[in-house]
Amino acid sequence: MADVLTTLEFVADGSTAIPVAPHTERFVAAHAADDGRLVSAARDGDRGAFASLYERYARVVHGLLLARVGPEHAEDLVQDVFLMAWRRLDDLRDPAAFGGWLVTITRNRAMDFHRRPTDFVELPEDVPVADDPSQRAEARAALDAIRGLPEAYRETLVLRLVEGLSGPEIASRTGLTPASVRVNLHRGMKLLREKLRR
């Protein structure tokens, strides 16, 4: 199991170009007021304020998308979600509720992704591959196993195992109670272990 988790972290770190805060920065529940201040500043045209919101929530958005779509699509969809949020910022009634609002946009964007036909673009044959295919295949199998779990477990496991968020961070950024997050992580890990043993 530890190898799978290490591989998941490897793929998450190796396949994303999202500039995010390091794993050691922890989200504080009092950030809602700070979110409100940043949203207000962003509404007034302060791009730096919106960049701060991006840095704070990029891991959550990426994790929620990764729970629903393949890693090859998650990065582009992260950009779509934040672009939608930027364009719709004036629609947000309570600026302090930015986190929950962004989570809703993210979930809706993932559902929209599955409704639309996918356009495929062929890459040139000389595109270099920098990682180990066996590690990537193992990580893909683990992510597929996670995506096969019920939604509540799927989201919390990806946010914890891939994005590296703590239980309290997941709770405060998604609007779940800390108890719900603990239960989802516990039950989700149990189901994941069973799936990976098969």
C-alpha atoms as a PDB file:
ATOM      1  CA  MET A   1       0.000   0.000   0.000  1.00  0.00           C
ATOM      2  CA  ALA A   2       2.841   2.397   0.788  1.00  0.00           C
ATOM      3  CA  ASP A   3       4.248   1.847  -2.716  1.00  0.00           C
ATOM      4  CA  VAL A   4       0.915   2.777  -4.258  1.00  0.00           C
ATOM      5  CA  LEU A   5       0.679   5.939  -2.152  1.00  0.00           C
ATOM      6  CA  THR A   6       4.232   6.916  -3.065  1.00  0.00           C
ATOM      7  CA  THR A   7       3.463   6.303  -6.729  1.00  0.00           C
ATOM      8  CA  LEU A   8       0.263   8.343  -6.492  1.00  0.00           C
ATOM      9  CA  GLU A   9       2.229  11.223  -5.020  1.00  0.00           C
ATOM     10  CA  PHE A  10       4.864  10.789  -7.746  1.00  0.00           C
ATOM     11  CA  VAL A  11       2.270  10.992 -10.503  1.00  0.00           C
ATOM     12  CA  ALA A  12       0.501  13.903  -8.888  1.00  0.00           C
ATOM     13  CA  ASP A  13       3.757  15.805  -8.514  1.00  0.00           C
ATOM     14  CA  GLY A  14       5.175  14.691 -11.848  1.00  0.00           C
ATOM     15  CA  SER A  15       2.116  15.307 -14.018  1.00  0.00           C
ATOM     16  CA  THR A  16       1.083  18.717 -12.777  1.00  0.00           C
ATOM     17  CA  ALA A  17       2.434  22.133 -13.555  1.00  0.00           C
ATOM     18  CA  ILE A  18       0.108  23.844 -11.087  1.00  0.00           C
ATOM     19  CA  PRO A  19       2.014  26.304  -8.888  1.00  0.00           C
ATOM     20  CA  VAL A  20       0.724  25.491  -5.423  1.00  0.00           C
ATOM     21  CA  ALA A  21       1.840  26.022  -1.880  1.00  0.00           C
ATOM     22  CA  PRO A  22       4.029  23.254  -0.417  1.00  0.00           C
ATOM     23  CA  HIS A  23       2.452  20.317   1.467  1.00  0.00           C
ATOM     24  CA  THR A  24       3.590  21.819   4.757  1.00  0.00           C
ATOM     25  CA  GLU A  25       1.295  24.879   4.538  1.00  0.00           C
ATOM     26  CA  ARG A  26      -1.919  24.088   6.387  1.00  0.00           C
ATOM     27  CA  PHE A  27      -5.278  25.692   5.803  1.00  0.00           C
ATOM     28  CA  VAL A  28      -6.786  27.529   8.751  1.00  0.00           C
ATOM     29  CA  ALA A  29     -10.571  27.632   9.202  1.00  0.00           C
ATOM     30  CA  ALA A  30     -10.365  31.394   9.716  1.00  0.00           C
ATOM     31  CA  HIS A  31      -9.316  31.759   6.077  1.00  0.00           C
ATOM     32  CA  ALA A  32     -12.970  32.346   5.108  1.00  0.00           C
ATOM     33  CA  ALA A  33     -12.670  35.976   6.224  1.00  0.00           C
ATOM     34  CA  ASP A  34      -9.401  36.259   4.333  1.00  0.00           C
ATOM     35  CA  ASP A  35     -11.092  34.699   1.288  1.00  0.00           C
ATOM     36  CA  GLY A  36     -13.765  37.383   1.525  1.00  0.00           C
ATOM     37  CA  ARG A  37     -11.148  40.116   1.563  1.00  0.00           C
ATOM     38  CA  LEU A  38      -9.332  38.565  -1.409  1.00  0.00           C
ATOM     39  CA  VAL A  39     -12.561  38.141  -3.382  1.00  0.00           C
ATOM     40  CA  SER A  40     -13.482  41.775  -2.772  1.00  0.00           C
ATOM     41  CA  ALA A  41     -10.040  42.905  -3.921  1.00  0.00           C
ATOM     42  CA  ALA A  42     -10.229  40.639  -6.986  1.00  0.00           C
ATOM     43  CA  ARG A  43     -13.631  42.094  -7.876  1.00  0.00           C
ATOM     44  CA  ASP A  44     -11.951  45.502  -7.835  1.00  0.00           C
ATOM     45  CA  GLY A  45      -9.430  44.239 -10.401  1.00  0.00           C
ATOM     46  CA  ASP A  46      -6.599  43.080  -8.129  1.00  0.00           C
ATOM     47  CA  ARG A  47      -5.189  40.105 -10.041  1.00  0.00           C
ATOM     48  CA  GLY A  48      -2.744  39.388  -7.216  1.00  0.00           C
ATOM     49  CA  ALA A  49      -5.673  38.772  -4.873  1.00  0.00           C
ATOM     50  CA  PHE A  50      -7.141  36.242  -7.286  1.00  0.00           C
ATOM     51  CA  ALA A  51      -3.701  34.640  -7.655  1.00  0.00           C
ATOM     52  CA  SER A  52      -3.675  34.182  -3.870  1.00  0.00           C
ATOM     53  CA  LEU A  53      -7.046  32.438  -4.057  1.00  0.00           C
ATOM     54  CA  TYR A  54      -5.677  30.258  -6.846  1.00  0.00           C
ATOM     55  CA  GLU A  55      -2.673  29.240  -4.750  1.00  0.00           C
ATOM     56  CA  ARG A  56      -4.903  28.466  -1.787  1.00  0.00           C
ATOM     57  CA  TYR A  57      -7.420  26.322  -3.694  1.00  0.00           C
ATOM     58  CA  ALA A  58      -5.529  24.847  -6.678  1.00  0.00           C
ATOM     59  CA  ARG A  59      -4.805  21.570  -4.850  1.00  0.00           C
ATOM     60  CA  VAL A  60      -8.441  21.144  -3.859  1.00  0.00           C
ATOM     61  CA  VAL A  61      -9.687  21.820  -7.387  1.00  0.00           C
ATOM     62  CA  HIS A  62      -7.071  19.495  -8.860  1.00  0.00           C
ATOM     63  CA  GLY A  63      -7.925  16.743  -6.381  1.00  0.00           C
ATOM     64  CA  LEU A  64     -11.674  17.006  -6.951  1.00  0.00           C
ATOM     65  CA  LEU A  65     -11.140  16.856 -10.704  1.00  0.00           C
ATOM     66  CA  LEU A  66      -8.703  13.975 -10.418  1.00  0.00           C
ATOM     67  CA  ALA A  67     -11.388  12.041  -8.549  1.00  0.00           C
ATOM     68  CA  ARG A  68     -13.658  12.389 -11.592  1.00  0.00           C
ATOM     69  CA  VAL A  69     -11.492  12.628 -14.717  1.00  0.00           C
ATOM     70  CA  GLY A  70      -8.170  11.223 -15.823  1.00  0.00           C
ATOM     71  CA  PRO A  71      -4.931  12.945 -14.854  1.00  0.00           C
ATOM     72  CA  GLU A  72      -4.341  13.847 -18.495  1.00  0.00           C
ATOM     73  CA  HIS A  73      -7.386  16.159 -18.366  1.00  0.00           C
ATOM     74  CA  ALA A  74      -7.196  17.472 -14.806  1.00  0.00           C
ATOM     75  CA  GLU A  75      -4.652  20.256 -15.410  1.00  0.00           C
ATOM     76  CA  ASP A  76      -6.620  21.840 -18.234  1.00  0.00           C
ATOM     77  CA  LEU A  77      -9.833  21.585 -16.261  1.00  0.00           C
ATOM     78  CA  VAL A  78      -8.197  23.302 -13.266  1.00  0.00           C
ATOM     79  CA  GLN A  79      -7.524  26.251 -15.535  1.00  0.00           C
ATOM     80  CA  ASP A  80     -11.121  26.134 -16.812  1.00  0.00           C
ATOM     81  CA  VAL A  81     -12.502  26.157 -13.273  1.00  0.00           C
ATOM     82  CA  PHE A  82     -10.464  29.171 -12.216  1.00  0.00           C
ATOM     83  CA  LEU A  83     -11.266  31.006 -15.433  1.00  0.00           C
ATOM     84  CA  MET A  84     -14.992  30.393 -14.789  1.00  0.00           C
ATOM     85  CA  ALA A  85     -14.571  31.578 -11.205  1.00  0.00           C
ATOM     86  CA  TRP A  86     -12.770  34.744 -12.349  1.00  0.00           C
ATOM     87  CA  ARG A  87     -15.501  35.535 -14.885  1.00  0.00           C
ATOM     88  CA  ARG A  88     -18.328  34.821 -12.414  1.00  0.00           C
ATOM     89  CA  LEU A  89     -16.789  36.428  -9.337  1.00  0.00           C
ATOM     90  CA  ASP A  90     -19.485  39.111  -9.264  1.00  0.00           C
ATOM     91  CA  ASP A  91     -22.149  36.369  -9.003  1.00  0.00           C
ATOM     92  CA  LEU A  92     -20.801  35.202  -5.636  1.00  0.00           C
ATOM     93  CA  ARG A  93     -23.184  36.551  -2.978  1.00  0.00           C
ATOM     94  CA  ASP A  94     -20.993  35.950   0.074  1.00  0.00           C
ATOM     95  CA  PRO A  95     -17.305  36.535  -0.671  1.00  0.00           C
ATOM     96  CA  ALA A  96     -16.336  34.520   2.426  1.00  0.00           C
ATOM     97  CA  ALA A  97     -18.032  31.463   0.856  1.00  0.00           C
ATOM     98  CA  PHE A  98     -15.530  31.371  -2.021  1.00  0.00           C
ATOM     99  CA  GLY A  99     -14.226  27.885  -1.134  1.00  0.00           C
ATOM    100  CA  GLY A 100     -17.600  26.155  -1.225  1.00  0.00           C
ATOM    101  CA  TRP A 101     -18.609  28.084  -4.346  1.00  0.00           C
ATOM    102  CA  LEU A 102     -15.404  27.018  -6.099  1.00  0.00           C
ATOM    103  CA  VAL A 103     -15.960  23.376  -5.093  1.00  0.00           C
ATOM    104  CA  THR A 104     -19.408  23.541  -6.698  1.00  0.00           C
ATOM    105  CA  ILE A 105     -17.967  25.016  -9.905  1.00  0.00           C
ATOM    106  CA  THR A 106     -15.348  22.255  -9.926  1.00  0.00           C
ATOM    107  CA  ARG A 107     -17.876  19.445  -9.541  1.00  0.00           C
ATOM    108  CA  ASN A 108     -20.100  20.947 -12.228  1.00  0.00           C
ATOM    109  CA  ARG A 109     -17.160  21.337 -14.610  1.00  0.00           C
ATOM    110  CA  ALA A 110     -16.241  17.676 -14.139  1.00  0.00           C
ATOM    111  CA  MET A 111     -19.821  16.634 -14.918  1.00  0.00           C
ATOM    112  CA  ASP A 112     -19.827  18.866 -18.011  1.00  0.00           C
ATOM    113  CA  PHE A 113     -16.577  17.282 -19.134  1.00  0.00           C
ATOM    114  CA  HIS A 114     -18.201  13.853 -19.218  1.00  0.00           C
ATOM    115  CA  ARG A 115     -21.216  15.154 -21.142  1.00  0.00           C
ATOM    116  CA  ARG A 116     -19.211  16.584 -24.024  1.00  0.00           C
ATOM    117  CA  PRO A 117     -17.515  14.587 -26.749  1.00  0.00           C
ATOM    118  CA  THR A 118     -13.750  14.537 -26.440  1.00  0.00           C
ATOM    119  CA  ASP A 119     -11.563  15.932 -29.211  1.00  0.00           C
ATOM    120  CA  PHE A 120      -8.331  14.026 -29.637  1.00  0.00           C
ATOM    121  CA  VAL A 121      -5.147  15.594 -30.906  1.00  0.00           C
ATOM    122  CA  GLU A 122      -2.354  13.353 -32.068  1.00  0.00           C
ATOM    123  CA  LEU A 123       1.046  14.138 -30.611  1.00  0.00           C
ATOM    124  CA  PRO A 124       4.189  13.885 -32.677  1.00  0.00           C
ATOM    125  CA  GLU A 125       6.016  10.583 -32.276  1.00  0.00           C
ATOM    126  CA  ASP A 126       9.197  12.281 -31.050  1.00  0.00           C
ATOM    127  CA  VAL A 127       7.651  13.642 -27.826  1.00  0.00           C
ATOM    128  CA  PRO A 128       9.994  12.539 -25.002  1.00  0.00           C
ATOM    129  CA  VAL A 129       8.596  10.574 -22.068  1.00  0.00           C
ATOM    130  CA  ALA A 130      10.350  11.452 -18.817  1.00  0.00           C
ATOM    131  CA  ASP A 131       8.886   8.976 -16.362  1.00  0.00           C
ATOM    132  CA  ASP A 132       8.876   5.232 -15.725  1.00  0.00           C
ATOM    133  CA  PRO A 133       5.934   3.591 -17.555  1.00  0.00           C
ATOM    134  CA  SER A 134       5.527   0.897 -14.890  1.00  0.00           C
ATOM    135  CA  GLN A 135       5.156   3.519 -12.134  1.00  0.00           C
ATOM    136  CA  ARG A 136       2.689   5.452 -14.244  1.00  0.00           C
ATOM    137  CA  ALA A 137       0.670   2.278 -14.930  1.00  0.00           C
ATOM    138  CA  GLU A 138       0.603   1.414 -11.221  1.00  0.00           C
ATOM    139  CA  ALA A 139      -0.506   4.925 -10.308  1.00  0.00           C
ATOM    140  CA  ARG A 140      -3.144   4.850 -13.041  1.00  0.00           C
ATOM    141  CA  ALA A 141      -4.491   1.560 -11.658  1.00  0.00           C
ATOM    142  CA  ALA A 142      -4.664   3.034  -8.158  1.00  0.00           C
ATOM    143  CA  LEU A 143      -6.428   6.179  -9.407  1.00  0.00           C
ATOM    144  CA  ASP A 144      -8.859   4.031 -11.383  1.00  0.00           C
ATOM    145  CA  ALA A 145      -9.562   2.040  -8.199  1.00  0.00           C
ATOM    146  CA  ILE A 146     -10.195   5.282  -6.287  1.00  0.00           C
ATOM    147  CA  ARG A 147     -12.477   6.587  -9.042  1.00  0.00           C
ATOM    148  CA  GLY A 148     -14.473   3.355  -8.755  1.00  0.00           C
ATOM    149  CA  LEU A 149     -15.391   4.168  -5.152  1.00  0.00           C
ATOM    150  CA  PRO A 150     -18.529   6.079  -4.101  1.00  0.00           C
ATOM    151  CA  GLU A 151     -18.192   9.839  -4.679  1.00  0.00           C
ATOM    152  CA  ALA A 152     -17.747  10.906  -1.048  1.00  0.00           C
ATOM    153  CA  TYR A 153     -14.881   8.466  -0.537  1.00  0.00           C
ATOM    154  CA  ARG A 154     -13.371   9.207  -3.936  1.00  0.00           C
ATOM    155  CA  GLU A 155     -13.060  12.950  -3.317  1.00  0.00           C
ATOM    156  CA  THR A 156     -11.666  12.733   0.187  1.00  0.00           C
ATOM    157  CA  LEU A 157      -9.143  10.024  -0.764  1.00  0.00           C
ATOM    158  CA  VAL A 158      -7.811  11.974  -3.741  1.00  0.00           C
ATOM    159  CA  LEU A 159      -7.547  15.145  -1.686  1.00  0.00           C
ATOM    160  CA  ARG A 160      -5.699  13.238   1.050  1.00  0.00           C
ATOM    161  CA  LEU A 161      -3.527  10.789  -0.915  1.00  0.00           C
ATOM    162  CA  VAL A 162      -2.770  12.735  -4.076  1.00  0.00           C
ATOM    163  CA  GLU A 163      -3.050  16.372  -3.057  1.00  0.00           C
ATOM    164  CA  GLY A 164      -1.635  15.837   0.441  1.00  0.00           C
ATOM    165  CA  LEU A 165      -4.307  17.786   2.326  1.00  0.00           C
ATOM    166  CA  SER A 166      -4.977  16.967   5.964  1.00  0.00           C
ATOM    167  CA  GLY A 167      -8.426  15.991   7.239  1.00  0.00           C
ATOM    168  CA  PRO A 168      -9.110  19.459   8.705  1.00  0.00           C
ATOM    169  CA  GLU A 169      -7.986  21.094   5.442  1.00  0.00           C
ATOM    170  CA  ILE A 170     -10.339  18.898   3.443  1.00  0.00           C
ATOM    171  CA  ALA A 171     -13.196  19.732   5.798  1.00  0.00           C
ATOM    172  CA  SER A 172     -12.649  23.471   5.755  1.00  0.00           C
ATOM    173  CA  ARG A 173     -12.127  23.715   2.016  1.00  0.00           C
ATOM    174  CA  THR A 174     -15.000  21.474   0.915  1.00  0.00           C
ATOM    175  CA  GLY A 175     -17.603  22.334   3.538  1.00  0.00           C
ATOM    176  CA  LEU A 176     -17.716  18.818   5.012  1.00  0.00           C
ATOM    177  CA  THR A 177     -17.609  18.373   8.765  1.00  0.00           C
ATOM    178  CA  PRO A 178     -14.335  17.046  10.205  1.00  0.00           C
ATOM    179  CA  ALA A 179     -16.218  13.948  11.409  1.00  0.00           C
ATOM    180  CA  SER A 180     -17.530  13.284   7.883  1.00  0.00           C
ATOM    181  CA  VAL A 181     -14.037  13.597   6.463  1.00  0.00           C
ATOM    182  CA  ARG A 182     -12.657  11.134   9.026  1.00  0.00           C
ATOM    183  CA  VAL A 183     -15.433   8.637   8.293  1.00  0.00           C
ATOM    184  CA  ASN A 184     -15.026   9.042   4.524  1.00  0.00           C
ATOM    185  CA  LEU A 185     -11.268   8.557   4.753  1.00  0.00           C
ATOM    186  CA  HIS A 186     -11.573   5.525   7.022  1.00  0.00           C
ATOM    187  CA  ARG A 187     -14.269   3.787   4.967  1.00  0.00           C
ATOM    188  CA  GLY A 188     -12.704   4.845   1.673  1.00  0.00           C
ATOM    189  CA  MET A 189      -9.289   3.446   2.635  1.00  0.00           C
ATOM    190  CA  LYS A 190     -10.924   0.185   3.678  1.00  0.00           C
ATOM    191  CA  LEU A 191     -12.690  -0.107   0.313  1.00  0.00           C
ATOM    192  CA  LEU A 192      -9.558   0.920  -1.562  1.00  0.00           C
ATOM    193  CA  ARG A 193      -7.462  -1.742   0.190  1.00  0.00           C
ATOM    194  CA  GLU A 194     -10.040  -4.356  -0.746  1.00  0.00           C
ATOM    195  CA  LYS A 195     -10.040  -3.239  -4.395  1.00  0.00           C
ATOM    196  CA  LEU A 196      -6.233  -3.183  -4.613  1.00  0.00           C
ATOM    197  CA  ARG A 197      -5.941  -6.703  -3.143  1.00  0.00           C
ATOM    198  CA  ARG A 198      -8.058  -8.171  -5.951  1.00  0.00           C
END
